[in-house]
C-alpha atoms as a PDB file:
ATOM      1  CA  MET A   1     -34.559   9.192  10.117  1.00  0.00           C
ATOM      2  CA  PRO A   2     -32.675   9.094   6.815  1.00  0.00           C
ATOM      3  CA  TYR A   3     -29.026  10.072   6.485  1.00  0.00           C
ATOM      4  CA  ILE A   4     -26.899  11.333   3.613  1.00  0.00           C
ATOM      5  CA  ILE A   5     -23.364   9.956   3.461  1.00  0.00           C
ATOM      6  CA  THR A   6     -20.884  11.971   1.427  1.00  0.00           C
ATOM      7  CA  THR A   7     -17.457  10.563   0.627  1.00  0.00           C
ATOM      8  CA  ILE A   8     -14.902  13.176  -0.344  1.00  0.00           C
ATOM      9  CA  PRO A   9     -11.744  11.743  -1.904  1.00  0.00           C
ATOM     10  CA  ALA A  10      -8.298  13.144  -1.258  1.00  0.00           C
ATOM     11  CA  PRO A  11      -7.350  15.863  -3.754  1.00  0.00           C
ATOM     12  CA  GLY A  12      -5.898  14.252  -6.869  1.00  0.00           C
ATOM     13  CA  ALA A  13      -7.157  10.734  -5.992  1.00  0.00           C
ATOM     14  CA  PHE A  14      -7.333   8.271  -8.882  1.00  0.00           C
ATOM     15  CA  HIS A  15      -8.725   4.757  -9.336  1.00  0.00           C
ATOM     16  CA  ASP A  16      -6.385   1.922 -10.345  1.00  0.00           C
ATOM     17  CA  ASN A  17      -7.435   2.425 -13.971  1.00  0.00           C
ATOM     18  CA  GLY A  18      -6.292   6.068 -13.885  1.00  0.00           C
ATOM     19  CA  SER A  19      -9.737   7.671 -13.771  1.00  0.00           C
ATOM     20  CA  PRO A  20     -10.302  10.368 -11.139  1.00  0.00           C
ATOM     21  CA  VAL A  21     -12.220   9.600  -7.948  1.00  0.00           C
ATOM     22  CA  PHE A  22     -15.232  11.854  -7.493  1.00  0.00           C
ATOM     23  CA  GLU A  23     -17.282  12.816  -4.452  1.00  0.00           C
ATOM     24  CA  THR A  24     -20.273  10.541  -3.907  1.00  0.00           C
ATOM     25  CA  ARG A  25     -23.525  10.980  -2.016  1.00  0.00           C
ATOM     26  CA  THR A  26     -25.663   8.096  -0.813  1.00  0.00           C
ATOM     27  CA  ALA A  27     -28.855   8.174   1.232  1.00  0.00           C
ATOM     28  CA  VAL A  28     -29.789   5.477   3.735  1.00  0.00           C
ATOM     29  CA  ALA A  29     -32.836   5.118   5.957  1.00  0.00           C
ATOM     30  CA  THR A  30     -31.189   4.547   9.349  1.00  0.00           C
ATOM     31  CA  LEU A  31     -27.910   4.899  11.223  1.00  0.00           C
ATOM     32  CA  ASP A  32     -27.510   1.101  11.169  1.00  0.00           C
ATOM     33  CA  GLU A  33     -27.864   1.136   7.373  1.00  0.00           C
ATOM     34  CA  ALA A  34     -25.200   3.867   7.200  1.00  0.00           C
ATOM     35  CA  ASP A  35     -22.840   1.635   9.136  1.00  0.00           C
ATOM     36  CA  LEU A  36     -23.615  -1.366   6.903  1.00  0.00           C
ATOM     37  CA  TYR A  37     -23.087   0.742   3.788  1.00  0.00           C
ATOM     38  CA  LEU A  38     -19.614   1.772   4.927  1.00  0.00           C
ATOM     39  CA  GLN A  39     -18.663  -1.727   6.068  1.00  0.00           C
ATOM     40  CA  ARG A  40     -19.242  -3.009   2.513  1.00  0.00           C
ATOM     41  CA  LEU A  41     -16.497  -0.695   1.280  1.00  0.00           C
ATOM     42  CA  ASP A  42     -13.206  -2.454   1.973  1.00  0.00           C
ATOM     43  CA  GLN A  43     -11.082   0.621   2.541  1.00  0.00           C
ATOM     44  CA  TRP A  44     -13.466   1.963   5.206  1.00  0.00           C
ATOM     45  CA  GLN A  45     -14.051  -1.151   7.288  1.00  0.00           C
ATOM     46  CA  SER A  46     -12.574   0.578  10.324  1.00  0.00           C
ATOM     47  CA  VAL A  47     -15.137   3.413  10.155  1.00  0.00           C
ATOM     48  CA  ASP A  48     -18.007   3.081  12.621  1.00  0.00           C
ATOM     49  CA  VAL A  49     -20.594   5.793  12.096  1.00  0.00           C
ATOM     50  CA  ARG A  50     -22.226   4.784  15.370  1.00  0.00           C
ATOM     51  CA  ASP A  51     -19.370   6.676  17.008  1.00  0.00           C
ATOM     52  CA  LEU A  52     -20.856   9.862  15.534  1.00  0.00           C
ATOM     53  CA  PRO A  53     -23.683  11.746  17.236  1.00  0.00           C
ATOM     54  CA  ALA A  54     -27.191  11.396  15.794  1.00  0.00           C
ATOM     55  CA  GLU A  55     -26.851  14.875  14.293  1.00  0.00           C
ATOM     56  CA  GLY A  56     -24.025  13.570  12.103  1.00  0.00           C
ATOM     57  CA  GLY A  57     -20.412  14.503  11.750  1.00  0.00           C
ATOM     58  CA  THR A  58     -17.182  13.850   9.906  1.00  0.00           C
ATOM     59  CA  VAL A  59     -14.744  10.942   9.913  1.00  0.00           C
ATOM     60  CA  GLY A  60     -11.265  11.356   8.534  1.00  0.00           C
ATOM     61  CA  PRO A  61      -9.181  11.980   6.810  1.00  0.00           C
ATOM     62  CA  LEU A  62      -8.717   8.234   6.511  1.00  0.00           C
ATOM     63  CA  PRO A  63      -5.355   6.686   5.582  1.00  0.00           C
ATOM     64  CA  ASP A  64      -6.117   7.168   1.859  1.00  0.00           C
ATOM     65  CA  GLY A  65      -7.079  10.821   2.459  1.00  0.00           C
ATOM     66  CA  THR A  66     -10.823  10.269   2.097  1.00  0.00           C
ATOM     67  CA  VAL A  67     -13.190  12.211   4.350  1.00  0.00           C
ATOM     68  CA  ILE A  68     -16.658  10.849   5.135  1.00  0.00           C
ATOM     69  CA  GLU A  69     -19.439  13.180   6.167  1.00  0.00           C
ATOM     70  CA  MET A  70     -22.762  11.972   7.476  1.00  0.00           C
ATOM     71  CA  ARG A  71     -25.755  14.155   8.204  1.00  0.00           C
ATOM     72  CA  PRO A  72     -29.397  13.541   8.967  1.00  0.00           C
ATOM     73  CA  ALA A  73     -31.930  14.578   6.367  1.00  0.00           C
ATOM     74  CA  SER A  74     -35.681  14.692   6.121  1.00  0.00           C
ATOM     75  CA  TRP A  75     -37.558  12.677   3.539  1.00  0.00           C
ATOM     76  CA  MET A  76     -38.489  16.004   1.925  1.00  0.00           C
ATOM     77  CA  ASP A  77     -34.769  16.930   1.692  1.00  0.00           C
ATOM     78  CA  LEU A  78     -34.192  13.722  -0.232  1.00  0.00           C
ATOM     79  CA  LYS A  79     -37.183  14.259  -2.517  1.00  0.00           C
ATOM     80  CA  ILE A  80     -35.983  17.764  -3.413  1.00  0.00           C
ATOM     81  CA  HIS A  81     -32.693  16.349  -4.733  1.00  0.00           C
ATOM     82  CA  THR A  82     -34.243  13.765  -7.048  1.00  0.00           C
ATOM     83  CA  ASP A  83     -35.941  13.662 -10.402  1.00  0.00           C
ATOM     84  CA  LEU A  84     -39.204  12.542  -8.797  1.00  0.00           C
ATOM     85  CA  PRO A  85     -42.396  14.147 -10.011  1.00  0.00           C
ATOM     86  CA  GLY A  86     -44.332  16.139  -7.464  1.00  0.00           C
ATOM     87  CA  ASP A  87     -45.854  14.067  -4.691  1.00  0.00           C
ATOM     88  CA  PRO A  88     -48.438  16.375  -3.109  1.00  0.00           C
ATOM     89  CA  HIS A  89     -50.257  13.518  -1.386  1.00  0.00           C
ATOM     90  CA  GLY A  90     -47.145  11.830  -0.010  1.00  0.00           C
ATOM     91  CA  THR A  91     -47.804   8.581  -1.857  1.00  0.00           C
ATOM     92  CA  LEU A  92     -44.165   7.641  -2.431  1.00  0.00           C
ATOM     93  CA  SER A  93     -42.678   5.080  -0.071  1.00  0.00           C
ATOM     94  CA  ASP A  94     -39.436   5.683   1.800  1.00  0.00           C
ATOM     95  CA  ALA A  95     -37.804   3.012  -0.380  1.00  0.00           C
ATOM     96  CA  GLN A  96     -38.897   4.817  -3.560  1.00  0.00           C
ATOM     97  CA  ILE A  97     -37.475   8.105  -2.281  1.00  0.00           C
ATOM     98  CA  LEU A  98     -34.144   6.473  -1.357  1.00  0.00           C
ATOM     99  CA  ALA A  99     -33.925   4.733  -4.736  1.00  0.00           C
ATOM    100  CA  ALA A 100     -34.624   7.987  -6.586  1.00  0.00           C
ATOM    101  CA  PHE A 101     -32.066   9.958  -4.538  1.00  0.00           C
ATOM    102  CA  ASN A 102     -29.382   7.317  -4.946  1.00  0.00           C
ATOM    103  CA  GLY A 103     -30.161   6.959  -8.651  1.00  0.00           C
ATOM    104  CA  ALA A 104     -29.844  10.710  -9.159  1.00  0.00           C
ATOM    105  CA  HIS A 105     -26.473  10.736  -7.380  1.00  0.00           C
ATOM    106  CA  ALA A 106     -24.940   7.602  -8.914  1.00  0.00           C
END
């Protein structure tokens, strides 16, 4: 089952270069991939999404004020939020759907 991970920065958060931090959305294929995704982000190494129920949930606010939301999604949910052409025969692979979703939300 795929998941959508949304990171919501603290109000008024800025990067070191002075640019504002925006909300991000990333899709992953499994709960284990969600955990790996978050572990690659230094400031969230203490977050373990496996502590959340399979139906998702919220972690935070973290020390920097960030809130992380994770929710399950269907493959069709992901396809709806991409620039993919219609796929009436279901010929797109899961990897193609994830890449299109993540590309549309980069």
